Amino acid sequence: MHAIQVKRTIAVSSGKGGVGKTLTSVHLAAAAARRGDRTLIIDGDLGLANVDVLLGVKAEHSIFEVITGNLRIEDALLKGPMGINLLPAGSGIAALQNLDSDLRERLISGIKSVAARFDTVIIDTGAGISETVLQLNRLARINLVVTTPEPHAVTDAYALIKVLSECEDIPTIAVAVNQVRSEDEGRRVFERLSEVASRFVTARLVFAGSIPTDPAVQRSVMARKAVQENSHFSIAGQAWTQCFHRLLNLADDWRQDGIRLVNDFAHAEGTQP
């Protein structure tokens, strides 16, 4: 499978739910929009979608109507805050949880066709290691796994990393650690993951950053305003913005022939393209 031909395409995944994967997706999209990128979020959490809720928009249609041939993909797109575009997935649609190969291929084809119009594409995948999650990750130029410091979250993140690394076209995986008490706590979590992965996983891990626990995030979620023009002024918002710019360095390490090259993230610390 060939990746989407958009250099800044980031698949955001997690081993388990509840670690802030979707919040990470919308804040990465907000960071892209602030720099003037035409930005698209694809809600790939099929059947359990909630990107629309975090953005405070109402989805009249869903990707299910697109892949079943009842709606053009262009007509399913929504405009959210800051000009962010959203391709919503359906919520509570059981059929989306178990797509057959034909429907999954329609999904992939539709995503490729619409993504070409944008500068930055964020794919918010479902949690876990389903076939759809793997296929969506293979579409992306950058693969980001989100975890928290809790042992069960780290264990599930490692399981996801191990499965993703079995895909030959995913040689590098970025890791972000959410809900940390300090930057050092996040780095320690990453170092533990990286140490184990170096022995049992073929993919290289890189550290995308730590996102601190921030009461402002919970307030914004409850208000259905997870991102807005000033959301990057919060402590967590600043961390997500830094995470986005670190990921851009990964995207910039692609050669035109599609071979992935990854520089040492230590050289990219604190830089913003």
Protein backbone atom coordinates (compact mmCIF):
# COMPACT_ATOMS: atom_id res chain seq x y z
CA MET A 1 0.00 0.00 0.00
CA HIS A 2 1.26 3.47 -0.91
CA ALA A 3 1.07 6.30 1.62
CA ILE A 4 -1.01 9.41 0.99
CA GLN A 5 0.94 11.78 -1.25
CA VAL A 6 0.79 14.59 1.29
CA LYS A 7 4.09 15.05 3.12
CA ARG A 8 2.50 16.12 6.41
CA THR A 9 0.20 13.14 6.98
CA ILE A 10 0.15 11.98 10.60
CA ALA A 11 -1.68 8.91 11.89
CA VAL A 12 -2.40 9.20 15.62
CA SER A 13 -3.00 5.91 17.40
CA SER A 14 -3.02 4.37 20.87
CA GLY A 15 -2.92 0.92 22.37
CA LYS A 16 -5.97 1.66 24.52
CA GLY A 17 -8.66 4.27 24.80
CA GLY A 18 -8.70 7.12 27.28
CA VAL A 19 -5.10 8.27 26.85
CA GLY A 20 -5.85 11.48 24.94
CA LYS A 21 -5.34 10.22 21.39
CA THR A 22 -8.18 12.24 19.87
CA LEU A 23 -7.28 15.34 21.87
CA THR A 24 -3.79 15.00 20.48
CA SER A 25 -5.20 14.73 16.95
CA VAL A 26 -7.27 17.90 17.20
CA HIS A 27 -4.43 19.88 18.78
CA LEU A 28 -2.02 18.79 16.06
CA ALA A 29 -4.61 19.95 13.53
CA ALA A 30 -4.93 23.27 15.33
CA ALA A 31 -1.16 23.76 15.23
CA ALA A 32 -1.21 23.11 11.49
CA ALA A 33 -4.09 25.54 10.95
CA ARG A 34 -2.30 28.28 12.89
CA ARG A 35 0.63 28.13 10.51
CA GLY A 36 -1.76 28.56 7.57
CA ASP A 37 -1.96 24.95 6.38
CA ARG A 38 -5.09 23.67 4.67
CA THR A 39 -5.84 21.10 7.35
CA LEU A 40 -7.96 17.95 7.39
CA ILE A 41 -8.78 15.61 10.28
CA ILE A 42 -10.01 12.18 9.27
CA ASP A 43 -11.94 10.53 12.08
CA GLY A 44 -10.80 6.95 11.69
CA ASP A 45 -12.26 5.76 14.99
CA LEU A 46 -14.94 3.95 13.05
CA GLY A 47 -18.16 3.37 14.97
CA LEU A 48 -16.98 5.30 18.04
CA ALA A 49 -16.31 8.70 16.51
CA ASN A 50 -15.95 11.81 18.67
CA VAL A 51 -13.72 14.30 16.83
CA ASP A 52 -16.86 16.26 15.93
CA VAL A 53 -17.78 16.50 19.61
CA LEU A 54 -14.37 17.87 20.56
CA LEU A 55 -14.52 20.41 17.75
CA GLY A 56 -18.04 21.47 18.70
CA VAL A 57 -19.57 20.71 15.31
CA LYS A 58 -22.52 18.52 14.37
CA ALA A 59 -21.94 15.81 11.79
CA GLU A 60 -24.95 15.43 9.54
CA HIS A 61 -23.25 12.72 7.48
CA SER A 62 -20.52 10.16 8.02
CA ILE A 63 -17.85 8.21 6.24
CA PHE A 64 -20.18 5.19 6.32
CA GLU A 65 -22.42 6.84 3.74
CA VAL A 66 -19.37 7.45 1.58
CA ILE A 67 -18.00 3.92 1.58
CA THR A 68 -21.45 2.43 0.96
CA GLY A 69 -21.83 4.65 -2.10
CA ASN A 70 -24.64 6.84 -0.79
CA LEU A 71 -22.68 10.10 -0.55
CA ARG A 72 -19.77 11.80 -2.26
CA ILE A 73 -16.82 12.20 0.05
CA GLU A 74 -16.77 15.95 -0.66
CA ASP A 75 -20.31 16.23 0.72
CA ALA A 76 -19.33 14.55 3.99
CA LEU A 77 -16.68 17.15 4.87
CA LEU A 78 -17.37 19.58 7.71
CA LYS A 79 -15.75 22.92 8.47
CA GLY A 80 -14.69 23.24 12.10
CA PRO A 81 -13.03 25.94 14.21
CA MET A 82 -9.96 27.71 12.83
CA GLY A 83 -10.88 26.50 9.34
CA ILE A 84 -10.07 22.87 10.19
CA ASN A 85 -11.85 20.41 7.89
CA LEU A 86 -13.26 17.17 9.27
CA LEU A 87 -14.20 13.92 7.58
CA PRO A 88 -16.43 12.46 10.30
CA ALA A 89 -16.87 8.79 11.07
CA GLY A 90 -20.16 7.41 12.29
CA SER A 91 -20.87 6.81 15.95
CA GLY A 92 -22.85 3.79 17.05
CA ILE A 93 -22.73 2.16 13.61
CA ALA A 94 -21.84 -1.48 14.22
CA ALA A 95 -21.05 -2.16 10.57
CA LEU A 96 -18.11 0.26 10.74
CA GLN A 97 -16.43 -1.87 13.38
CA ASN A 98 -16.12 -4.86 11.06
CA LEU A 99 -15.47 -3.62 7.55
CA ASP A 100 -14.92 -6.30 4.95
CA SER A 101 -12.01 -5.98 2.54
CA ASP A 102 -14.08 -4.31 -0.19
CA LEU A 103 -15.46 -1.62 2.11
CA ARG A 104 -12.05 -1.08 3.65
CA GLU A 105 -10.58 -0.56 0.18
CA ARG A 106 -13.30 1.98 -0.60
CA LEU A 107 -12.45 3.77 2.62
CA ILE A 108 -8.76 3.92 1.75
CA SER A 109 -9.44 5.08 -1.82
CA GLY A 110 -11.80 7.80 -0.62
CA ILE A 111 -9.30 9.07 1.95
CA LYS A 112 -6.52 9.21 -0.64
CA SER A 113 -8.68 11.18 -3.06
CA VAL A 114 -9.77 13.85 -0.58
CA ALA A 115 -6.44 14.14 1.25
CA ALA A 116 -4.66 15.37 -1.86
CA ARG A 117 -6.36 18.77 -1.49
CA PHE A 118 -4.74 19.54 1.86
CA ASP A 119 -1.34 20.53 3.23
CA THR A 120 -1.65 18.63 6.52
CA VAL A 121 -3.77 15.54 7.13
CA ILE A 122 -4.32 14.11 10.62
CA ILE A 123 -5.77 10.60 10.81
CA ASP A 124 -7.29 9.88 14.21
CA THR A 125 -7.40 6.08 14.24
CA GLY A 126 -9.26 3.83 16.62
CA ALA A 127 -7.55 2.43 19.69
CA GLY A 128 -6.04 -1.03 19.53
CA ILE A 129 -4.61 -3.18 16.76
CA SER A 130 -7.51 -3.87 14.39
CA GLU A 131 -6.88 -4.33 10.67
CA THR A 132 -8.47 -0.95 9.94
CA VAL A 133 -6.11 0.76 12.40
CA LEU A 134 -3.13 -0.85 10.68
CA GLN A 135 -4.34 0.14 7.21
CA LEU A 136 -4.89 3.75 8.26
CA ASN A 137 -1.41 3.86 9.76
CA ARG A 138 0.08 2.60 6.52
CA LEU A 139 -1.50 5.55 4.72
CA ALA A 140 0.43 8.04 6.84
CA ARG A 141 3.90 9.49 6.37
CA ILE A 142 4.33 9.86 10.15
CA ASN A 143 3.03 7.39 12.73
CA LEU A 144 2.43 8.70 16.25
CA VAL A 145 1.52 6.49 19.20
CA VAL A 146 0.05 8.23 22.27
CA THR A 147 0.26 6.77 25.76
CA THR A 148 0.14 7.89 29.38
CA PRO A 149 2.58 6.87 32.15
CA GLU A 150 0.14 4.28 33.57
CA PRO A 151 1.63 0.77 33.27
CA HIS A 152 -1.38 -0.71 31.44
CA ALA A 153 -1.35 2.14 28.91
CA VAL A 154 2.39 1.68 28.31
CA THR A 155 1.94 -2.08 27.90
CA ASP A 156 -0.80 -1.58 25.31
CA ALA A 157 1.25 1.09 23.54
CA TYR A 158 4.12 -1.36 23.23
CA ALA A 159 1.77 -4.00 21.80
CA LEU A 160 0.61 -1.53 19.16
CA ILE A 161 4.18 -0.47 18.37
CA LYS A 162 5.18 -4.10 17.93
CA VAL A 163 2.34 -4.76 15.49
CA LEU A 164 2.97 -1.55 13.54
CA SER A 165 6.66 -2.40 13.24
CA GLU A 166 5.74 -5.59 11.42
CA CYS A 167 4.62 -3.43 8.50
CA GLU A 168 7.68 -2.96 6.30
CA ASP A 169 6.51 0.52 5.29
CA ILE A 170 6.46 1.75 8.91
CA PRO A 171 10.15 1.80 9.91
CA THR A 172 9.88 4.69 12.37
CA ILE A 173 7.29 5.38 15.07
CA ALA A 174 7.01 8.57 17.13
CA VAL A 175 5.75 8.41 20.72
CA ALA A 176 4.02 11.14 22.74
CA VAL A 177 3.35 10.71 26.45
CA ASN A 178 0.22 12.47 27.68
CA GLN A 179 -0.91 13.45 31.20
CA VAL A 180 2.57 13.69 32.69
CA ARG A 181 3.65 15.59 35.79
CA SER A 182 6.86 16.74 34.11
CA GLU A 183 8.78 16.56 30.85
CA ASP A 184 11.20 14.17 32.52
CA GLU A 185 8.40 11.75 33.40
CA GLY A 186 7.45 11.53 29.75
CA ARG A 187 11.04 10.99 28.69
CA ARG A 188 11.45 8.19 31.23
CA VAL A 189 8.34 6.45 29.86
CA PHE A 190 9.70 6.79 26.33
CA GLU A 191 13.12 5.50 27.35
CA ARG A 192 11.56 2.38 28.90
CA LEU A 193 9.55 1.75 25.73
CA SER A 194 12.57 2.39 23.54
CA GLU A 195 14.78 0.05 25.56
CA VAL A 196 12.35 -2.86 25.20
CA ALA A 197 11.66 -2.04 21.56
CA SER A 198 15.37 -2.03 20.72
CA ARG A 199 15.48 -5.71 21.63
CA PHE A 200 12.23 -6.97 20.15
CA VAL A 201 10.99 -4.43 17.58
CA THR A 202 12.46 -3.62 14.18
CA ALA A 203 11.02 -0.08 13.96
CA ARG A 204 12.96 2.84 15.37
CA LEU A 205 11.22 4.89 18.09
CA VAL A 206 11.58 8.67 18.37
CA PHE A 207 10.31 10.92 21.13
CA ALA A 208 7.63 13.43 20.05
CA GLY A 209 7.20 15.01 23.47
CA SER A 210 5.42 15.09 26.82
CA ILE A 211 2.00 16.68 27.34
CA PRO A 212 1.40 17.75 30.94
CA THR A 213 -1.80 17.24 32.88
CA ASP A 214 -3.71 20.51 32.50
CA PRO A 215 -7.11 21.36 34.07
CA ALA A 216 -7.75 23.75 31.16
CA VAL A 217 -7.99 20.78 28.81
CA GLN A 218 -10.85 19.17 30.74
CA ARG A 219 -12.71 22.50 30.87
CA SER A 220 -12.39 22.95 27.12
CA VAL A 221 -13.60 19.41 26.46
CA MET A 222 -16.67 19.92 28.63
CA ALA A 223 -17.42 23.14 26.74
CA ARG A 224 -17.00 21.33 23.37
CA LYS A 225 -14.22 23.77 22.54
CA ALA A 226 -11.15 21.58 22.64
CA VAL A 227 -9.35 23.84 20.17
CA GLN A 228 -9.74 27.51 19.40
CA GLU A 229 -7.49 30.41 18.49
CA ASN A 230 -6.09 30.80 22.01
CA SER A 231 -5.97 27.11 22.98
CA HIS A 232 -2.22 26.97 22.40
CA PHE A 233 -1.68 29.34 25.31
CA SER A 234 -2.54 26.59 27.82
CA ILE A 235 0.30 24.49 29.22
CA ALA A 236 -0.86 21.38 27.39
CA GLY A 237 -1.61 23.37 24.25
CA GLN A 238 1.96 24.60 24.09
CA ALA A 239 3.22 21.04 24.48
CA TRP A 240 1.00 19.76 21.65
CA THR A 241 2.23 22.58 19.43
CA GLN A 242 5.85 21.62 20.16
CA CYS A 243 4.95 18.01 19.41
CA PHE A 244 3.55 19.06 16.01
CA HIS A 245 6.72 20.93 15.07
CA ARG A 246 8.87 17.97 16.08
CA LEU A 247 6.74 15.77 13.83
CA LEU A 248 7.27 18.20 10.97
CA ASN A 249 10.95 17.38 11.15
CA LEU A 250 10.06 13.76 10.50
CA ALA A 251 7.92 14.77 7.53
CA ASP A 252 10.78 16.88 6.16
CA ASP A 253 13.04 13.82 6.27
CA TRP A 254 11.17 12.15 3.40
CA ARG A 255 12.90 11.93 0.07
CA GLN A 256 10.73 12.37 -3.03
CA ASP A 257 11.06 8.69 -3.91
CA GLY A 258 9.23 7.75 -0.71
CA ILE A 259 12.16 6.40 1.30
CA ARG A 260 11.85 7.38 4.97
CA LEU A 261 14.84 9.06 6.52
CA VAL A 262 14.76 10.16 10.14
CA ASN A 263 17.17 12.61 11.76
CA ASP A 264 18.06 12.55 15.42
CA PHE A 265 15.32 14.45 17.26
CA ALA A 266 17.93 15.98 19.53
CA HIS A 267 18.94 18.22 16.62
CA ALA A 268 15.32 19.37 16.20
CA GLU A 269 14.60 20.34 19.80
CA GLY A 270 13.08 23.81 20.04
CA THR A 271 13.03 24.43 16.27
CA GLN A 272 9.96 25.41 14.30
CA PRO A 273 9.96 25.15 10.51
